[in-house]
Amino acid sequence: MLDDGSISVVNSCLTDSEDVLTSQGRAFVEDTQTNAKLLVSFVNLKDTWLFPGNYWVLGLGENYEYAVVGEPTREYGWILSRSCTLSSENLAEVIDILTAQGYDISQFILTDQSSFGCTPE
């Protein structure tokens, strides 16, 4: 959380060549009653964040071990996990959350993390 009320966002991933790609962005709370609807931008021009996208938290694991994020058109969604893989119980919870929100679960791609040096816990 930053002094102006926005949230610093850092996304990173490991490429096939094992390079780390990092994007820095900014999130702005859109719904202060729930804090679950954010606008997120990764385009900064002279301290103005452009082209923000909807980033709605649809569900969280009981211990924040995962987050389910989507947007109102249900065209995009993400499953974020603190571990390399989700347990079968957590994956079932995620599927239930997405289905209840009207997402077509068949459109989601589960990424095999093992090629990035990540091993199941």
PDB file of N, CA and C in Angstrom:
ATOM      1  N   MET A   1       0.849  -1.161   0.000  1.00  0.00           N
ATOM      2  CA  MET A   1       0.000   0.000   0.000  1.00  0.00           C
ATOM      3  C   MET A   1       0.903   1.235   0.000  1.00  0.00           C
ATOM      4  N   LEU A   2       0.579   2.174  -0.841  1.00  0.00           N
ATOM      5  CA  LEU A   2       1.356   3.395  -0.953  1.00  0.00           C
ATOM      6  C   LEU A   2       0.636   4.546  -0.257  1.00  0.00           C
ATOM      7  N   ASP A   3       1.361   5.618  -0.007  1.00  0.00           N
ATOM      8  CA  ASP A   3       0.801   6.766   0.716  1.00  0.00           C
ATOM      9  C   ASP A   3      -0.438   7.345   0.049  1.00  0.00           C
ATOM     10  N   ASP A   4      -0.517   7.262  -1.281  1.00  0.00           N
ATOM     11  CA  ASP A   4      -1.665   7.848  -1.992  1.00  0.00           C
ATOM     12  C   ASP A   4      -2.884   6.928  -2.026  1.00  0.00           C
ATOM     13  N   GLY A   5      -2.794   5.763  -1.360  1.00  0.00           N
ATOM     14  CA  GLY A   5      -3.908   4.824  -1.314  1.00  0.00           C
ATOM     15  C   GLY A   5      -3.871   3.774  -2.403  1.00  0.00           C
ATOM     16  N   SER A   6      -2.971   3.915  -3.366  1.00  0.00           N
ATOM     17  CA  SER A   6      -2.842   2.894  -4.413  1.00  0.00           C
ATOM     18  C   SER A   6      -1.946   1.760  -3.892  1.00  0.00           C
ATOM     19  N   ILE A   7      -1.876   0.714  -4.686  1.00  0.00           N
ATOM     20  CA  ILE A   7      -1.123  -0.477  -4.292  1.00  0.00           C
ATOM     21  C   ILE A   7      -0.052  -0.746  -5.339  1.00  0.00           C
ATOM     22  N   SER A   8       1.171  -0.912  -4.886  1.00  0.00           N
ATOM     23  CA  SER A   8       2.257  -1.274  -5.785  1.00  0.00           C
ATOM     24  C   SER A   8       2.087  -2.737  -6.186  1.00  0.00           C
ATOM     25  N   VAL A   9       2.204  -3.006  -7.488  1.00  0.00           N
ATOM     26  CA  VAL A   9       2.038  -4.360  -8.009  1.00  0.00           C
ATOM     27  C   VAL A   9       3.308  -4.758  -8.749  1.00  0.00           C
ATOM     28  N   VAL A  10       3.812  -5.939  -8.443  1.00  0.00           N
ATOM     29  CA  VAL A  10       4.969  -6.474  -9.158  1.00  0.00           C
ATOM     30  C   VAL A  10       4.610  -7.879  -9.608  1.00  0.00           C
ATOM     31  N   ASN A  11       4.565  -8.084 -10.923  1.00  0.00           N
ATOM     32  CA  ASN A  11       4.339  -9.405 -11.490  1.00  0.00           C
ATOM     33  C   ASN A  11       5.656  -9.893 -12.054  1.00  0.00           C
ATOM     34  N   SER A  12       5.961 -11.157 -11.829  1.00  0.00           N
ATOM     35  CA  SER A  12       7.186 -11.713 -12.406  1.00  0.00           C
ATOM     36  C   SER A  12       6.921 -13.139 -12.843  1.00  0.00           C
ATOM     37  N   CYS A  13       7.710 -13.549 -13.824  1.00  0.00           N
ATOM     38  CA  CYS A  13       7.610 -14.924 -14.302  1.00  0.00           C
ATOM     39  C   CYS A  13       8.984 -15.367 -14.770  1.00  0.00           C
ATOM     40  N   LEU A  14       9.150 -16.665 -14.824  1.00  0.00           N
ATOM     41  CA  LEU A  14      10.380 -17.271 -15.287  1.00  0.00           C
ATOM     42  C   LEU A  14      10.154 -17.776 -16.700  1.00  0.00           C
ATOM     43  N   THR A  15      10.994 -17.343 -17.651  1.00  0.00           N
ATOM     44  CA  THR A  15      10.840 -17.749 -19.043  1.00  0.00           C
ATOM     45  C   THR A  15      11.452 -19.128 -19.261  1.00  0.00           C
ATOM     46  N   ASP A  16      11.222 -19.690 -20.449  1.00  0.00           N
ATOM     47  CA  ASP A  16      11.812 -20.987 -20.793  1.00  0.00           C
ATOM     48  C   ASP A  16      13.330 -20.951 -20.711  1.00  0.00           C
ATOM     49  N   SER A  17      13.931 -19.792 -20.982  1.00  0.00           N
ATOM     50  CA  SER A  17      15.389 -19.666 -20.905  1.00  0.00           C
ATOM     51  C   SER A  17      15.854 -19.283 -19.503  1.00  0.00           C
ATOM     52  N   GLU A  18      14.938 -19.380 -18.539  1.00  0.00           N
ATOM     53  CA  GLU A  18      15.193 -19.131 -17.128  1.00  0.00           C
ATOM     54  C   GLU A  18      15.538 -17.687 -16.811  1.00  0.00           C
ATOM     55  N   ASP A  19      15.120 -16.768 -17.672  1.00  0.00           N
ATOM     56  CA  ASP A  19      15.224 -15.351 -17.364  1.00  0.00           C
ATOM     57  C   ASP A  19      13.984 -14.953 -16.575  1.00  0.00           C
ATOM     58  N   VAL A  20      14.149 -14.025 -15.654  1.00  0.00           N
ATOM     59  CA  VAL A  20      13.016 -13.522 -14.892  1.00  0.00           C
ATOM     60  C   VAL A  20      12.534 -12.232 -15.547  1.00  0.00           C
ATOM     61  N   LEU A  21      11.273 -12.214 -15.937  1.00  0.00           N
ATOM     62  CA  LEU A  21      10.652 -11.011 -16.485  1.00  0.00           C
ATOM     63  C   LEU A  21       9.799 -10.389 -15.388  1.00  0.00           C
ATOM     64  N   THR A  22       9.938  -9.084 -15.211  1.00  0.00           N
ATOM     65  CA  THR A  22       9.212  -8.387 -14.161  1.00  0.00           C
ATOM     66  C   THR A  22       8.487  -7.185 -14.743  1.00  0.00           C
ATOM     67  N   SER A  23       7.244  -6.993 -14.324  1.00  0.00           N
ATOM     68  CA  SER A  23       6.456  -5.819 -14.693  1.00  0.00           C
ATOM     69  C   SER A  23       5.996  -5.136 -13.415  1.00  0.00           C
ATOM     70  N   GLN A  24       6.200  -3.837 -13.353  1.00  0.00           N
ATOM     71  CA  GLN A  24       5.749  -3.085 -12.195  1.00  0.00           C
ATOM     72  C   GLN A  24       4.516  -2.285 -12.578  1.00  0.00           C
ATOM     73  N   GLY A  25       3.532  -2.322 -11.717  1.00  0.00           N
ATOM     74  CA  GLY A  25       2.289  -1.629 -11.999  1.00  0.00           C
ATOM     75  C   GLY A  25       1.713  -0.988 -10.769  1.00  0.00           C
ATOM     76  N   ARG A  26       0.491  -0.555 -10.926  1.00  0.00           N
ATOM     77  CA  ARG A  26      -0.203   0.113  -9.833  1.00  0.00           C
ATOM     78  C   ARG A  26      -1.645  -0.356  -9.833  1.00  0.00           C
ATOM     79  N   ALA A  27      -2.173  -0.611  -8.654  1.00  0.00           N
ATOM     80  CA  ALA A  27      -3.575  -0.997  -8.491  1.00  0.00           C
ATOM     81  C   ALA A  27      -4.296   0.090  -7.712  1.00  0.00           C
ATOM     82  N   PHE A  28      -5.540   0.310  -8.106  1.00  0.00           N
ATOM     83  CA  PHE A  28      -6.383   1.310  -7.458  1.00  0.00           C
ATOM     84  C   PHE A  28      -7.676   0.629  -7.041  1.00  0.00           C
ATOM     85  N   VAL A  29      -8.051   0.775  -5.786  1.00  0.00           N
ATOM     86  CA  VAL A  29      -9.272   0.153  -5.287  1.00  0.00           C
ATOM     87  C   VAL A  29     -10.468   0.845  -5.928  1.00  0.00           C
ATOM     88  N   GLU A  30     -11.311   0.056  -6.577  1.00  0.00           N
ATOM     89  CA  GLU A  30     -12.501   0.576  -7.242  1.00  0.00           C
ATOM     90  C   GLU A  30     -13.727   0.501  -6.334  1.00  0.00           C
ATOM     91  N   ASP A  31     -13.775  -0.507  -5.479  1.00  0.00           N
ATOM     92  CA  ASP A  31     -14.910  -0.716  -4.578  1.00  0.00           C
ATOM     93  C   ASP A  31     -14.390  -0.725  -3.148  1.00  0.00           C
ATOM     94  N   THR A  32     -14.507   0.397  -2.455  1.00  0.00           N
ATOM     95  CA  THR A  32     -13.951   0.517  -1.108  1.00  0.00           C
ATOM     96  C   THR A  32     -14.749  -0.248  -0.058  1.00  0.00           C
ATOM     97  N   GLN A  33     -15.951  -0.700  -0.394  1.00  0.00           N
ATOM     98  CA  GLN A  33     -16.729  -1.480   0.576  1.00  0.00           C
ATOM     99  C   GLN A  33     -16.175  -2.892   0.727  1.00  0.00           C
ATOM    100  N   THR A  34     -15.690  -3.467  -0.371  1.00  0.00           N
ATOM    101  CA  THR A  34     -15.172  -4.836  -0.309  1.00  0.00           C
ATOM    102  C   THR A  34     -13.662  -4.908  -0.515  1.00  0.00           C
ATOM    103  N   ASN A  35     -13.082  -3.904  -1.145  1.00  0.00           N
ATOM    104  CA  ASN A  35     -11.667  -3.900  -1.549  1.00  0.00           C
ATOM    105  C   ASN A  35     -11.340  -5.054  -2.486  1.00  0.00           C
ATOM    106  N   ALA A  36     -12.349  -5.672  -3.087  1.00  0.00           N
ATOM    107  CA  ALA A  36     -12.139  -6.826  -3.954  1.00  0.00           C
ATOM    108  C   ALA A  36     -12.125  -6.458  -5.434  1.00  0.00           C
ATOM    109  N   LYS A  37     -12.491  -5.231  -5.763  1.00  0.00           N
ATOM    110  CA  LYS A  37     -12.501  -4.798  -7.158  1.00  0.00           C
ATOM    111  C   LYS A  37     -11.442  -3.720  -7.346  1.00  0.00           C
ATOM    112  N   LEU A  38     -10.468  -4.068  -8.158  1.00  0.00           N
ATOM    113  CA  LEU A  38      -9.344  -3.169  -8.394  1.00  0.00           C
ATOM    114  C   LEU A  38      -9.241  -2.821  -9.864  1.00  0.00           C
ATOM    115  N   LEU A  39      -8.621  -1.706 -10.147  1.00  0.00           N
ATOM    116  CA  LEU A  39      -8.180  -1.356 -11.494  1.00  0.00           C
ATOM    117  C   LEU A  39      -6.664  -1.428 -11.454  1.00  0.00           C
ATOM    118  N   VAL A  40      -6.065  -2.167 -12.396  1.00  0.00           N
ATOM    119  CA  VAL A  40      -4.618  -2.373 -12.397  1.00  0.00           C
ATOM    120  C   VAL A  40      -4.046  -1.931 -13.734  1.00  0.00           C
ATOM    121  N   SER A  41      -2.955  -1.181 -13.658  1.00  0.00           N
ATOM    122  CA  SER A  41      -2.281  -0.709 -14.866  1.00  0.00           C
ATOM    123  C   SER A  41      -0.793  -1.027 -14.787  1.00  0.00           C
ATOM    124  N   PHE A  42      -0.241  -1.373 -15.941  1.00  0.00           N
ATOM    125  CA  PHE A  42       1.202  -1.586 -16.058  1.00  0.00           C
ATOM    126  C   PHE A  42       1.818  -0.593 -17.037  1.00  0.00           C
ATOM    127  N   VAL A  43       1.052   0.446 -17.396  1.00  0.00           N
ATOM    128  CA  VAL A  43       1.521   1.463 -18.338  1.00  0.00           C
ATOM    129  C   VAL A  43       1.570   2.800 -17.611  1.00  0.00           C
ATOM    130  N   ASN A  44       2.784   3.301 -17.403  1.00  0.00           N
ATOM    131  CA  ASN A  44       2.968   4.554 -16.678  1.00  0.00           C
ATOM    132  C   ASN A  44       3.610   5.579 -17.609  1.00  0.00           C
ATOM    133  N   LEU A  45       2.933   6.698 -17.763  1.00  0.00           N
ATOM    134  CA  LEU A  45       3.466   7.785 -18.581  1.00  0.00           C
ATOM    135  C   LEU A  45       3.449   9.051 -17.736  1.00  0.00           C
ATOM    136  N   LYS A  46       4.630   9.483 -17.327  1.00  0.00           N
ATOM    137  CA  LYS A  46       4.768  10.712 -16.530  1.00  0.00           C
ATOM    138  C   LYS A  46       3.878  10.680 -15.291  1.00  0.00           C
ATOM    139  N   ASP A  47       3.984   9.590 -14.544  1.00  0.00           N
ATOM    140  CA  ASP A  47       3.230   9.395 -13.304  1.00  0.00           C
ATOM    141  C   ASP A  47       1.713   9.319 -13.503  1.00  0.00           C
ATOM    142  N   THR A  48       1.283   9.009 -14.708  1.00  0.00           N
ATOM    143  CA  THR A  48      -0.126   8.756 -14.986  1.00  0.00           C
ATOM    144  C   THR A  48      -0.248   7.308 -15.439  1.00  0.00           C
ATOM    145  N   TRP A  49      -1.051   6.542 -14.728  1.00  0.00           N
ATOM    146  CA  TRP A  49      -1.235   5.124 -15.046  1.00  0.00           C
ATOM    147  C   TRP A  49      -2.347   4.992 -16.076  1.00  0.00           C
ATOM    148  N   LEU A  50      -1.990   4.442 -17.234  1.00  0.00           N
ATOM    149  CA  LEU A  50      -2.907   4.371 -18.374  1.00  0.00           C
ATOM    150  C   LEU A  50      -3.439   2.953 -18.579  1.00  0.00           C
ATOM    151  N   PHE A  51      -4.571   2.864 -19.230  1.00  0.00           N
ATOM    152  CA  PHE A  51      -5.184   1.603 -19.668  1.00  0.00           C
ATOM    153  C   PHE A  51      -5.374   0.599 -18.537  1.00  0.00           C
ATOM    154  N   PRO A  52      -5.960   1.010 -17.422  1.00  0.00           N
ATOM    155  CA  PRO A  52      -6.144   0.042 -16.335  1.00  0.00           C
ATOM    156  C   PRO A  52      -7.176  -1.020 -16.710  1.00  0.00           C
ATOM    157  N   GLY A  53      -6.948  -2.209 -16.208  1.00  0.00           N
ATOM    158  CA  GLY A  53      -7.880  -3.310 -16.422  1.00  0.00           C
ATOM    159  C   GLY A  53      -8.531  -3.721 -15.123  1.00  0.00           C
ATOM    160  N   ASN A  54      -9.705  -4.305 -15.238  1.00  0.00           N
ATOM    161  CA  ASN A  54     -10.413  -4.812 -14.070  1.00  0.00           C
ATOM    162  C   ASN A  54      -9.698  -6.032 -13.513  1.00  0.00           C
ATOM    163  N   TYR A  55      -9.554  -6.052 -12.225  1.00  0.00           N
ATOM    164  CA  TYR A  55      -8.886  -7.137 -11.519  1.00  0.00           C
ATOM    165  C   TYR A  55      -9.730  -7.380 -10.276  1.00  0.00           C
ATOM    166  N   TRP A  56     -10.665  -8.304 -10.396  1.00  0.00           N
ATOM    167  CA  TRP A  56     -11.617  -8.548  -9.322  1.00  0.00           C
ATOM    168  C   TRP A  56     -11.268  -9.827  -8.595  1.00  0.00           C
ATOM    169  N   VAL A  57     -11.111  -9.744  -7.297  1.00  0.00           N
ATOM    170  CA  VAL A  57     -10.834 -10.920  -6.479  1.00  0.00           C
ATOM    171  C   VAL A  57     -12.152 -11.658  -6.280  1.00  0.00           C
ATOM    172  N   LEU A  58     -12.243 -12.841  -6.864  1.00  0.00           N
ATOM    173  CA  LEU A  58     -13.473 -13.632  -6.826  1.00  0.00           C
ATOM    174  C   LEU A  58     -13.500 -14.612  -5.661  1.00  0.00           C
ATOM    175  N   GLY A  59     -12.323 -14.995  -5.207  1.00  0.00           N
ATOM    176  CA  GLY A  59     -12.253 -15.948  -4.102  1.00  0.00           C
ATOM    177  C   GLY A  59     -10.846 -16.067  -3.580  1.00  0.00           C
ATOM    178  N   LEU A  60     -10.752 -16.445  -2.314  1.00  0.00           N
ATOM    179  CA  LEU A  60      -9.455 -16.636  -1.653  1.00  0.00           C
ATOM    180  C   LEU A  60      -9.471 -17.941  -0.886  1.00  0.00           C
ATOM    181  N   GLY A  61      -8.314 -18.586  -0.832  1.00  0.00           N
ATOM    182  CA  GLY A  61      -8.184 -19.759   0.020  1.00  0.00           C
ATOM    183  C   GLY A  61      -8.300 -19.349   1.477  1.00  0.00           C
ATOM    184  N   GLU A  62      -8.679 -20.279   2.307  1.00  0.00           N
ATOM    185  CA  GLU A  62      -8.886 -19.990   3.729  1.00  0.00           C
ATOM    186  C   GLU A  62      -7.651 -19.358   4.367  1.00  0.00           C
ATOM    187  N   ASN A  63      -6.464 -19.815   3.960  1.00  0.00           N
ATOM    188  CA  ASN A  63      -5.207 -19.292   4.489  1.00  0.00           C
ATOM    189  C   ASN A  63      -4.445 -18.496   3.426  1.00  0.00           C
ATOM    190  N   TYR A  64      -5.177 -17.961   2.473  1.00  0.00           N
ATOM    191  CA  TYR A  64      -4.596 -17.169   1.375  1.00  0.00           C
ATOM    192  C   TYR A  64      -3.599 -17.974   0.539  1.00  0.00           C
ATOM    193  N   GLU A  65      -3.782 -19.287   0.486  1.00  0.00           N
ATOM    194  CA  GLU A  65      -2.882 -20.120  -0.307  1.00  0.00           C
ATOM    195  C   GLU A  65      -3.148 -19.982  -1.804  1.00  0.00           C
ATOM    196  N   TYR A  66      -4.311 -19.456  -2.148  1.00  0.00           N
ATOM    197  CA  TYR A  66      -4.614 -19.166  -3.549  1.00  0.00           C
ATOM    198  C   TYR A  66      -5.567 -17.975  -3.616  1.00  0.00           C
ATOM    199  N   ALA A  67      -5.586 -17.380  -4.790  1.00  0.00           N
ATOM    200  CA  ALA A  67      -6.551 -16.319  -5.083  1.00  0.00           C
ATOM    201  C   ALA A  67      -7.114 -16.589  -6.469  1.00  0.00           C
ATOM    202  N   VAL A  68      -8.401 -16.335  -6.629  1.00  0.00           N
ATOM    203  CA  VAL A  68      -9.056 -16.454  -7.927  1.00  0.00           C
ATOM    204  C   VAL A  68      -9.412 -15.032  -8.351  1.00  0.00           C
ATOM    205  N   VAL A  69      -8.923 -14.639  -9.524  1.00  0.00           N
ATOM    206  CA  VAL A  69      -9.093 -13.269 -10.004  1.00  0.00           C
ATOM    207  C   VAL A  69      -9.748 -13.305 -11.374  1.00  0.00           C
ATOM    208  N   GLY A  70     -10.650 -12.377 -11.613  1.00  0.00           N
ATOM    209  CA  GLY A  70     -11.311 -12.310 -12.907  1.00  0.00           C
ATOM    210  C   GLY A  70     -11.692 -10.881 -13.239  1.00  0.00           C
ATOM    211  N   GLU A  71     -12.543 -10.758 -14.240  1.00  0.00           N
ATOM    212  CA  GLU A  71     -13.031  -9.447 -14.665  1.00  0.00           C
ATOM    213  C   GLU A  71     -14.460  -9.606 -15.161  1.00  0.00           C
ATOM    214  N   PRO A  72     -15.215  -8.508 -15.264  1.00  0.00           N
ATOM    215  CA  PRO A  72     -16.665  -8.611 -15.453  1.00  0.00           C
ATOM    216  C   PRO A  72     -17.133  -9.291 -16.732  1.00  0.00           C
ATOM    217  N   THR A  73     -16.344  -9.307 -17.788  1.00  0.00           N
ATOM    218  CA  THR A  73     -16.813  -9.968 -19.010  1.00  0.00           C
ATOM    219  C   THR A  73     -16.619 -11.485 -18.956  1.00  0.00           C
ATOM    220  N   ARG A  74     -15.881 -11.938 -17.970  1.00  0.00           N
ATOM    221  CA  ARG A  74     -15.550 -13.362 -17.796  1.00  0.00           C
ATOM    222  C   ARG A  74     -14.720 -13.914 -18.953  1.00  0.00           C
ATOM    223  N   GLU A  75     -14.081 -13.007 -19.678  1.00  0.00           N
ATOM    224  CA  GLU A  75     -13.202 -13.419 -20.774  1.00  0.00           C
ATOM    225  C   GLU A  75     -11.812 -13.797 -20.266  1.00  0.00           C
ATOM    226  N   TYR A  76     -11.415 -13.185 -19.147  1.00  0.00           N
ATOM    227  CA  TYR A  76     -10.096 -13.430 -18.576  1.00  0.00           C
ATOM    228  C   TYR A  76     -10.232 -13.802 -17.116  1.00  0.00           C
ATOM    229  N   GLY A  77      -9.369 -14.691 -16.678  1.00  0.00           N
ATOM    230  CA  GLY A  77      -9.339 -15.076 -15.278  1.00  0.00           C
ATOM    231  C   GLY A  77      -7.999 -15.704 -14.952  1.00  0.00           C
ATOM    232  N   TRP A  78      -7.637 -15.627 -13.692  1.00  0.00           N
ATOM    233  CA  TRP A  78      -6.352 -16.149 -13.254  1.00  0.00           C
ATOM    234  C   TRP A  78      -6.517 -16.870 -11.941  1.00  0.00           C
ATOM    235  N   ILE A  79      -5.742 -17.934 -11.795  1.00  0.00           N
ATOM    236  CA  ILE A  79      -5.658 -18.659 -10.544  1.00  0.00           C
ATOM    237  C   ILE A  79      -4.238 -18.435 -10.040  1.00  0.00           C
ATOM    238  N   LEU A  80      -4.118 -17.764  -8.920  1.00  0.00           N
ATOM    239  CA  LEU A  80      -2.809 -17.448  -8.354  1.00  0.00           C
ATOM    240  C   LEU A  80      -2.584 -18.329  -7.136  1.00  0.00           C
ATOM    241  N   SER A  81      -1.401 -18.909  -7.043  1.00  0.00           N
ATOM    242  CA  SER A  81      -1.112 -19.830  -5.952  1.00  0.00           C
ATOM    243  C   SER A  81       0.217 -19.482  -5.307  1.00  0.00           C
ATOM    244  N   ARG A  82       0.307 -19.692  -4.021  1.00  0.00           N
ATOM    245  CA  ARG A  82       1.559 -19.473  -3.300  1.00  0.00           C
ATOM    246  C   ARG A  82       2.492 -20.677  -3.415  1.00  0.00           C
ATOM    247  N   SER A  83       1.986 -21.780  -3.943  1.00  0.00           N
ATOM    248  CA  SER A  83       2.805 -22.980  -4.103  1.00  0.00           C
ATOM    249  C   SER A  83       2.808 -23.389  -5.580  1.00  0.00           C
ATOM    250  N   CYS A  84       3.664 -24.342  -5.902  1.00  0.00           N
ATOM    251  CA  CYS A  84       3.808 -24.798  -7.291  1.00  0.00           C
ATOM    252  C   CYS A  84       2.549 -25.447  -7.830  1.00  0.00           C
ATOM    253  N   THR A  85       1.841 -26.134  -6.972  1.00  0.00           N
ATOM    254  CA  THR A  85       0.619 -26.811  -7.386  1.00  0.00           C
ATOM    255  C   THR A  85      -0.453 -26.600  -6.330  1.00  0.00           C
ATOM    256  N   LEU A  86      -1.671 -26.699  -6.751  1.00  0.00           N
ATOM    257  CA  LEU A  86      -2.789 -26.652  -5.812  1.00  0.00           C
ATOM    258  C   LEU A  86      -3.146 -28.077  -5.402  1.00  0.00           C
ATOM    259  N   SER A  87      -3.535 -28.249  -4.164  1.00  0.00           N
ATOM    260  CA  SER A  87      -4.029 -29.561  -3.745  1.00  0.00           C
ATOM    261  C   SER A  87      -5.314 -29.842  -4.511  1.00  0.00           C
ATOM    262  N   SER A  88      -5.709 -31.086  -4.564  1.00  0.00           N
ATOM    263  CA  SER A  88      -6.939 -31.428  -5.275  1.00  0.00           C
ATOM    264  C   SER A  88      -8.143 -30.751  -4.610  1.00  0.00           C
ATOM    265  N   GLU A  89      -8.097 -30.598  -3.297  1.00  0.00           N
ATOM    266  CA  GLU A  89      -9.184 -29.923  -2.589  1.00  0.00           C
ATOM    267  C   GLU A  89      -9.250 -28.442  -2.975  1.00  0.00           C
ATOM    268  N   ASN A  90      -8.093 -27.780  -3.011  1.00  0.00           N
ATOM    269  CA  ASN A  90      -8.061 -26.367  -3.380  1.00  0.00           C
ATOM    270  C   ASN A  90      -8.457 -26.163  -4.836  1.00  0.00           C
ATOM    271  N   LEU A  91      -8.019 -27.052  -5.704  1.00  0.00           N
ATOM    272  CA  LEU A  91      -8.392 -26.940  -7.114  1.00  0.00           C
ATOM    273  C   LEU A  91      -9.904 -27.092  -7.275  1.00  0.00           C
ATOM    274  N   ALA A  92     -10.500 -28.002  -6.515  1.00  0.00           N
ATOM    275  CA  ALA A  92     -11.959 -28.170  -6.566  1.00  0.00           C
ATOM    276  C   ALA A  92     -12.659 -26.901  -6.084  1.00  0.00           C
ATOM    277  N   GLU A  93     -12.130 -26.267  -5.033  1.00  0.00           N
ATOM    278  CA  GLU A  93     -12.696 -25.003  -4.553  1.00  0.00           C
ATOM    279  C   GLU A  93     -12.612 -23.924  -5.634  1.00  0.00           C
ATOM    280  N   VAL A  94     -11.462 -23.832  -6.289  1.00  0.00           N
ATOM    281  CA  VAL A  94     -11.248 -22.840  -7.350  1.00  0.00           C
ATOM    282  C   VAL A  94     -12.237 -23.064  -8.488  1.00  0.00           C
ATOM    283  N   ILE A  95     -12.398 -24.304  -8.899  1.00  0.00           N
ATOM    284  CA  ILE A  95     -13.341 -24.622  -9.974  1.00  0.00           C
ATOM    285  C   ILE A  95     -14.755 -24.237  -9.579  1.00  0.00           C
ATOM    286  N   ASP A  96     -15.119 -24.506  -8.330  1.00  0.00           N
ATOM    287  CA  ASP A  96     -16.450 -24.121  -7.843  1.00  0.00           C
ATOM    288  C   ASP A  96     -16.638 -22.606  -7.887  1.00  0.00           C
ATOM    289  N   ILE A  97     -15.610 -21.861  -7.478  1.00  0.00           N
ATOM    290  CA  ILE A  97     -15.684 -20.392  -7.482  1.00  0.00           C
ATOM    291  C   ILE A  97     -15.869 -19.891  -8.909  1.00  0.00           C
ATOM    292  N   LEU A  98     -15.045 -20.378  -9.822  1.00  0.00           N
ATOM    293  CA  LEU A  98     -15.127 -19.927 -11.210  1.00  0.00           C
ATOM    294  C   LEU A  98     -16.463 -20.293 -11.845  1.00  0.00           C
ATOM    295  N   THR A  99     -16.940 -21.496 -11.603  1.00  0.00           N
ATOM    296  CA  THR A  99     -18.211 -21.941 -12.162  1.00  0.00           C
ATOM    297  C   THR A  99     -19.358 -21.091 -11.613  1.00  0.00           C
ATOM    298  N   ALA A 100     -19.324 -20.819 -10.314  1.00  0.00           N
ATOM    299  CA  ALA A 100     -20.380 -20.010  -9.695  1.00  0.00           C
ATOM    300  C   ALA A 100     -20.393 -18.588 -10.252  1.00  0.00           C
ATOM    301  N   GLN A 101     -19.235 -18.113 -10.716  1.00  0.00           N
ATOM    302  CA  GLN A 101     -19.130 -16.766 -11.280  1.00  0.00           C
ATOM    303  C   GLN A 101     -19.422 -16.734 -12.775  1.00  0.00           C
ATOM    304  N   GLY A 102     -19.745 -17.884 -13.363  1.00  0.00           N
ATOM    305  CA  GLY A 102     -20.125 -17.928 -14.772  1.00  0.00           C
ATOM    306  C   GLY A 102     -18.980 -18.129 -15.747  1.00  0.00           C
ATOM    307  N   TYR A 103     -17.825 -18.551 -15.262  1.00  0.00           N
ATOM    308  CA  TYR A 103     -16.685 -18.811 -16.152  1.00  0.00           C
ATOM    309  C   TYR A 103     -16.796 -20.198 -16.765  1.00  0.00           C
ATOM    310  N   ASP A 104     -16.304 -20.332 -17.984  1.00  0.00           N
ATOM    311  CA  ASP A 104     -16.204 -21.632 -18.655  1.00  0.00           C
ATOM    312  C   ASP A 104     -14.861 -22.224 -18.244  1.00  0.00           C
ATOM    313  N   ILE A 105     -14.891 -23.147 -17.312  1.00  0.00           N
ATOM    314  CA  ILE A 105     -13.666 -23.701 -16.746  1.00  0.00           C
ATOM    315  C   ILE A 105     -12.817 -24.412 -17.796  1.00  0.00           C
ATOM    316  N   SER A 106     -13.433 -24.862 -18.881  1.00  0.00           N
ATOM    317  CA  SER A 106     -12.669 -25.558 -19.925  1.00  0.00           C
ATOM    318  C   SER A 106     -11.705 -24.617 -20.650  1.00  0.00           C
ATOM    319  N   GLN A 107     -11.883 -23.319 -20.490  1.00  0.00           N
ATOM    320  CA  GLN A 107     -11.009 -22.343 -21.144  1.00  0.00           C
ATOM    321  C   GLN A 107      -9.743 -22.047 -20.331  1.00  0.00           C
ATOM    322  N   PHE A 108      -9.672 -22.563 -19.111  1.00  0.00           N
ATOM    323  CA  PHE A 108      -8.499 -22.323 -18.272  1.00  0.00           C
ATOM    324  C   PHE A 108      -7.406 -23.326 -18.594  1.00  0.00           C
ATOM    325  N   ILE A 109      -6.178 -22.844 -18.558  1.00  0.00           N
ATOM    326  CA  ILE A 109      -5.009 -23.684 -18.827  1.00  0.00           C
ATOM    327  C   ILE A 109      -4.185 -23.755 -17.553  1.00  0.00           C
ATOM    328  N   LEU A 110      -4.007 -24.949 -17.025  1.00  0.00           N
ATOM    329  CA  LEU A 110      -3.151 -25.123 -15.857  1.00  0.00           C
ATOM    330  C   LEU A 110      -1.710 -25.237 -16.342  1.00  0.00           C
ATOM    331  N   THR A 111      -0.858 -24.404 -15.816  1.00  0.00           N
ATOM    332  CA  THR A 111       0.537 -24.355 -16.245  1.00  0.00           C
ATOM    333  C   THR A 111       1.375 -25.336 -15.446  1.00  0.00           C
ATOM    334  N   ASP A 112       2.124 -26.192 -16.146  1.00  0.00           N
ATOM    335  CA  ASP A 112       3.049 -27.109 -15.501  1.00  0.00           C
ATOM    336  C   ASP A 112       4.264 -26.288 -15.068  1.00  0.00           C
ATOM    337  N   GLN A 113       4.465 -26.188 -13.774  1.00  0.00           N
ATOM    338  CA  GLN A 113       5.553 -25.378 -13.235  1.00  0.00           C
ATOM    339  C   GLN A 113       6.884 -26.114 -13.138  1.00  0.00           C
ATOM    340  N   SER A 114       6.886 -27.426 -13.374  1.00  0.00           N
ATOM    341  CA  SER A 114       8.098 -28.212 -13.162  1.00  0.00           C
ATOM    342  C   SER A 114       9.247 -27.798 -14.074  1.00  0.00           C
ATOM    343  N   SER A 115       8.941 -27.325 -15.284  1.00  0.00           N
ATOM    344  CA  SER A 115      10.019 -26.919 -16.189  1.00  0.00           C
ATOM    345  C   SER A 115      10.699 -25.649 -15.721  1.00  0.00           C
ATOM    346  N   PHE A 116      10.129 -24.985 -14.731  1.00  0.00           N
ATOM    347  CA  PHE A 116      10.720 -23.765 -14.188  1.00  0.00           C
ATOM    348  C   PHE A 116      11.419 -24.021 -12.855  1.00  0.00           C
ATOM    349  N   GLY A 117      11.712 -25.289 -12.577  1.00  0.00           N
ATOM    350  CA  GLY A 117      12.415 -25.626 -11.353  1.00  0.00           C
ATOM    351  C   GLY A 117      11.513 -25.674 -10.138  1.00  0.00           C
ATOM    352  N   CYS A 118      10.240 -25.707 -10.346  1.00  0.00           N
ATOM    353  CA  CYS A 118       9.281 -25.743  -9.248  1.00  0.00           C
ATOM    354  C   CYS A 118       8.841 -27.184  -9.050  1.00  0.00           C
ATOM    355  N   THR A 119       8.947 -27.660  -7.825  1.00  0.00           N
ATOM    356  CA  THR A 119       8.529 -29.028  -7.548  1.00  0.00           C
ATOM    357  C   THR A 119       7.366 -29.009  -6.567  1.00  0.00           C
ATOM    358  N   PRO A 120       6.433 -29.951  -6.709  1.00  0.00           N
ATOM    359  CA  PRO A 120       5.288 -29.989  -5.795  1.00  0.00           C
ATOM    360  C   PRO A 120       5.735 -30.122  -4.356  1.00  0.00           C
ATOM    361  N   GLU A 121       4.938 -29.562  -3.456  1.00  0.00           N
ATOM    362  CA  GLU A 121       5.278 -29.637  -2.042  1.00  0.00           C
ATOM    363  C   GLU A 121       4.753 -30.895  -1.425  1.00  0.00           C
TER     364      GLU A 121
END
